[in-house]
């Protein structure tokens, strides 16, 4: 049985919640969010692993067009999403773009982050 919980929060917005321990010690949980846009495309805040259940739900929702890294900390799974959805645009805040510019090609964003 999977420990992933997929929930439609409100029409066209889903969360993907999964247990996660920060530094392998502190249980804080992880949550990704998918938003189906008016165009039918999907925007994903990619903060949890891209497992089979997540892929299946995203496929059901529509084509993933945008992958977002919301701050300088939430980058662990961006590569999984970009590999699975190579045509999706990857966007991130300035601190994340700076931190991971050698590893990822960001297509947009660079907004200021509330966190370092």
C-alpha atoms as a PDB file:
ATOM      1  CA  UNK A   1       0.000   0.000   0.000  1.00  0.00           C
ATOM      2  CA  UNK A   2       1.317   3.429  -0.948  1.00  0.00           C
ATOM      3  CA  UNK A   3       1.831   6.224   1.551  1.00  0.00           C
ATOM      4  CA  UNK A   4       0.989   8.858  -1.091  1.00  0.00           C
ATOM      5  CA  UNK A   5      -2.270  10.771  -0.599  1.00  0.00           C
ATOM      6  CA  UNK A   6      -3.708  12.505  -3.673  1.00  0.00           C
ATOM      7  CA  UNK A   7      -6.505  14.931  -2.937  1.00  0.00           C
ATOM      8  CA  UNK A   8      -8.484  17.387  -5.024  1.00  0.00           C
ATOM      9  CA  UNK A   9      -8.489  20.454  -2.767  1.00  0.00           C
ATOM     10  CA  UNK A  10     -10.784  22.517  -4.958  1.00  0.00           C
ATOM     11  CA  UNK A  11     -11.780  22.247  -8.597  1.00  0.00           C
ATOM     12  CA  UNK A  12      -8.646  21.907 -10.777  1.00  0.00           C
ATOM     13  CA  UNK A  13      -6.166  21.879  -7.867  1.00  0.00           C
ATOM     14  CA  UNK A  14      -4.695  18.646  -6.443  1.00  0.00           C
ATOM     15  CA  UNK A  15      -2.165  17.944  -3.717  1.00  0.00           C
ATOM     16  CA  UNK A  16       0.181  14.959  -3.595  1.00  0.00           C
ATOM     17  CA  UNK A  17       1.190  14.406   0.049  1.00  0.00           C
ATOM     18  CA  UNK A  18       3.850  11.975   1.177  1.00  0.00           C
ATOM     19  CA  UNK A  19       5.748  11.394   4.440  1.00  0.00           C
ATOM     20  CA  UNK A  20       9.188  13.008   4.368  1.00  0.00           C
ATOM     21  CA  UNK A  21      11.858  13.394   7.027  1.00  0.00           C
ATOM     22  CA  UNK A  22      14.087  16.451   6.754  1.00  0.00           C
ATOM     23  CA  UNK A  23      17.721  15.318   6.930  1.00  0.00           C
ATOM     24  CA  UNK A  24      16.268  11.841   7.491  1.00  0.00           C
ATOM     25  CA  UNK A  25      15.367  12.875  11.050  1.00  0.00           C
ATOM     26  CA  UNK A  26      12.583  15.450  11.304  1.00  0.00           C
ATOM     27  CA  UNK A  27       9.208  14.192  10.014  1.00  0.00           C
ATOM     28  CA  UNK A  28       7.725  17.181   8.185  1.00  0.00           C
ATOM     29  CA  UNK A  29       5.993  15.599   5.208  1.00  0.00           C
ATOM     30  CA  UNK A  30       6.214  16.651   1.588  1.00  0.00           C
ATOM     31  CA  UNK A  31       3.577  18.025  -0.721  1.00  0.00           C
ATOM     32  CA  UNK A  32       3.446  18.693  -4.433  1.00  0.00           C
ATOM     33  CA  UNK A  33       0.609  20.586  -6.063  1.00  0.00           C
ATOM     34  CA  UNK A  34      -0.868  20.291  -9.549  1.00  0.00           C
ATOM     35  CA  UNK A  35      -3.091  22.931 -11.106  1.00  0.00           C
ATOM     36  CA  UNK A  36      -5.051  22.284 -14.287  1.00  0.00           C
ATOM     37  CA  UNK A  37      -5.038  25.578 -16.165  1.00  0.00           C
ATOM     38  CA  UNK A  38      -7.899  26.884 -18.314  1.00  0.00           C
ATOM     39  CA  UNK A  39      -5.944  25.722 -21.376  1.00  0.00           C
ATOM     40  CA  UNK A  40      -6.035  22.135 -20.049  1.00  0.00           C
ATOM     41  CA  UNK A  41      -2.274  22.176 -19.439  1.00  0.00           C
ATOM     42  CA  UNK A  42      -0.926  21.333 -15.997  1.00  0.00           C
ATOM     43  CA  UNK A  43       1.362  23.385 -13.728  1.00  0.00           C
ATOM     44  CA  UNK A  44       3.202  21.343 -11.072  1.00  0.00           C
ATOM     45  CA  UNK A  45       4.930  22.456  -7.893  1.00  0.00           C
ATOM     46  CA  UNK A  46       7.362  19.527  -7.769  1.00  0.00           C
ATOM     47  CA  UNK A  47       8.222  18.861  -4.111  1.00  0.00           C
ATOM     48  CA  UNK A  48       7.682  15.083  -3.835  1.00  0.00           C
ATOM     49  CA  UNK A  49       9.063  12.086  -5.754  1.00  0.00           C
ATOM     50  CA  UNK A  50       7.538  11.366  -9.148  1.00  0.00           C
ATOM     51  CA  UNK A  51       6.239   7.864  -8.464  1.00  0.00           C
ATOM     52  CA  UNK A  52       3.834   5.746 -10.520  1.00  0.00           C
ATOM     53  CA  UNK A  53       0.697   7.035  -8.797  1.00  0.00           C
ATOM     54  CA  UNK A  54       1.741  10.644  -9.317  1.00  0.00           C
ATOM     55  CA  UNK A  55       2.528  10.018 -13.002  1.00  0.00           C
ATOM     56  CA  UNK A  56      -0.836   8.325 -13.520  1.00  0.00           C
ATOM     57  CA  UNK A  57      -2.752  11.203 -11.933  1.00  0.00           C
ATOM     58  CA  UNK A  58      -0.812  13.839 -13.875  1.00  0.00           C
ATOM     59  CA  UNK A  59      -1.493  11.940 -17.101  1.00  0.00           C
ATOM     60  CA  UNK A  60      -5.194  11.945 -16.239  1.00  0.00           C
ATOM     61  CA  UNK A  61      -5.136  15.706 -15.564  1.00  0.00           C
ATOM     62  CA  UNK A  62      -3.503  16.737 -18.848  1.00  0.00           C
ATOM     63  CA  UNK A  63      -0.122  17.560 -20.352  1.00  0.00           C
ATOM     64  CA  UNK A  64       2.419  18.880 -17.855  1.00  0.00           C
ATOM     65  CA  UNK A  65       3.446  22.260 -19.259  1.00  0.00           C
ATOM     66  CA  UNK A  66       5.188  23.870 -16.264  1.00  0.00           C
ATOM     67  CA  UNK A  67       7.387  22.491 -13.481  1.00  0.00           C
ATOM     68  CA  UNK A  68       7.965  24.896 -10.608  1.00  0.00           C
ATOM     69  CA  UNK A  69      10.573  25.065  -7.876  1.00  0.00           C
ATOM     70  CA  UNK A  70       9.090  27.387  -5.265  1.00  0.00           C
ATOM     71  CA  UNK A  71      12.205  28.110  -3.217  1.00  0.00           C
ATOM     72  CA  UNK A  72      15.894  27.278  -2.894  1.00  0.00           C
ATOM     73  CA  UNK A  73      15.170  24.174  -0.805  1.00  0.00           C
ATOM     74  CA  UNK A  74      12.565  22.373  -2.928  1.00  0.00           C
ATOM     75  CA  UNK A  75      14.747  21.069  -5.735  1.00  0.00           C
ATOM     76  CA  UNK A  76      15.331  17.413  -4.845  1.00  0.00           C
ATOM     77  CA  UNK A  77      12.817  16.034  -7.348  1.00  0.00           C
ATOM     78  CA  UNK A  78      12.907  18.634 -10.138  1.00  0.00           C
ATOM     79  CA  UNK A  79      15.152  16.399 -12.245  1.00  0.00           C
ATOM     80  CA  UNK A  80      12.676  13.506 -12.085  1.00  0.00           C
ATOM     81  CA  UNK A  81       9.872  15.719 -13.357  1.00  0.00           C
ATOM     82  CA  UNK A  82      11.975  17.323 -16.098  1.00  0.00           C
ATOM     83  CA  UNK A  83      13.157  13.912 -17.294  1.00  0.00           C
ATOM     84  CA  UNK A  84       9.582  12.615 -17.479  1.00  0.00           C
ATOM     85  CA  UNK A  85       8.197  15.831 -19.015  1.00  0.00           C
ATOM     86  CA  UNK A  86      11.074  17.158 -21.164  1.00  0.00           C
ATOM     87  CA  UNK A  87       8.888  19.643 -23.035  1.00  0.00           C
ATOM     88  CA  UNK A  88       7.632  21.275 -19.839  1.00  0.00           C
ATOM     89  CA  UNK A  89       9.044  24.673 -18.944  1.00  0.00           C
ATOM     90  CA  UNK A  90      10.953  24.746 -15.666  1.00  0.00           C
ATOM     91  CA  UNK A  91      10.518  27.869 -13.572  1.00  0.00           C
ATOM     92  CA  UNK A  92      11.964  28.842 -10.225  1.00  0.00           C
ATOM     93  CA  UNK A  93      12.685  31.649  -7.830  1.00  0.00           C
ATOM     94  CA  UNK A  94      15.968  33.576  -8.094  1.00  0.00           C
ATOM     95  CA  UNK A  95      17.671  31.750  -5.215  1.00  0.00           C
ATOM     96  CA  UNK A  96      16.854  28.338  -6.707  1.00  0.00           C
ATOM     97  CA  UNK A  97      17.905  29.328 -10.226  1.00  0.00           C
ATOM     98  CA  UNK A  98      21.231  30.587  -8.858  1.00  0.00           C
ATOM     99  CA  UNK A  99      21.763  27.492  -6.699  1.00  0.00           C
ATOM    100  CA  UNK A 100      20.987  24.961  -9.461  1.00  0.00           C
ATOM    101  CA  UNK A 101      21.978  26.822 -12.661  1.00  0.00           C
ATOM    102  CA  UNK A 102      24.725  24.279 -13.449  1.00  0.00           C
ATOM    103  CA  UNK A 103      22.350  21.347 -13.023  1.00  0.00           C
ATOM    104  CA  UNK A 104      19.142  22.627 -14.646  1.00  0.00           C
ATOM    105  CA  UNK A 105      18.126  24.908 -17.470  1.00  0.00           C
ATOM    106  CA  UNK A 106      15.389  27.172 -16.146  1.00  0.00           C
ATOM    107  CA  UNK A 107      12.979  28.673 -18.654  1.00  0.00           C
ATOM    108  CA  UNK A 108      11.628  31.464 -16.518  1.00  0.00           C
ATOM    109  CA  UNK A 109      10.823  32.830 -13.142  1.00  0.00           C
ATOM    110  CA  UNK A 110      13.604  34.286 -11.065  1.00  0.00           C
ATOM    111  CA  UNK A 111      11.197  35.857  -8.619  1.00  0.00           C
ATOM    112  CA  UNK A 112      12.400  36.680  -5.135  1.00  0.00           C
ATOM    113  CA  UNK A 113      12.018  33.881  -2.616  1.00  0.00           C
ATOM    114  CA  UNK A 114      10.874  34.354   0.959  1.00  0.00           C
ATOM    115  CA  UNK A 115      13.469  31.770   2.035  1.00  0.00           C
ATOM    116  CA  UNK A 116      17.245  31.645   1.419  1.00  0.00           C
END
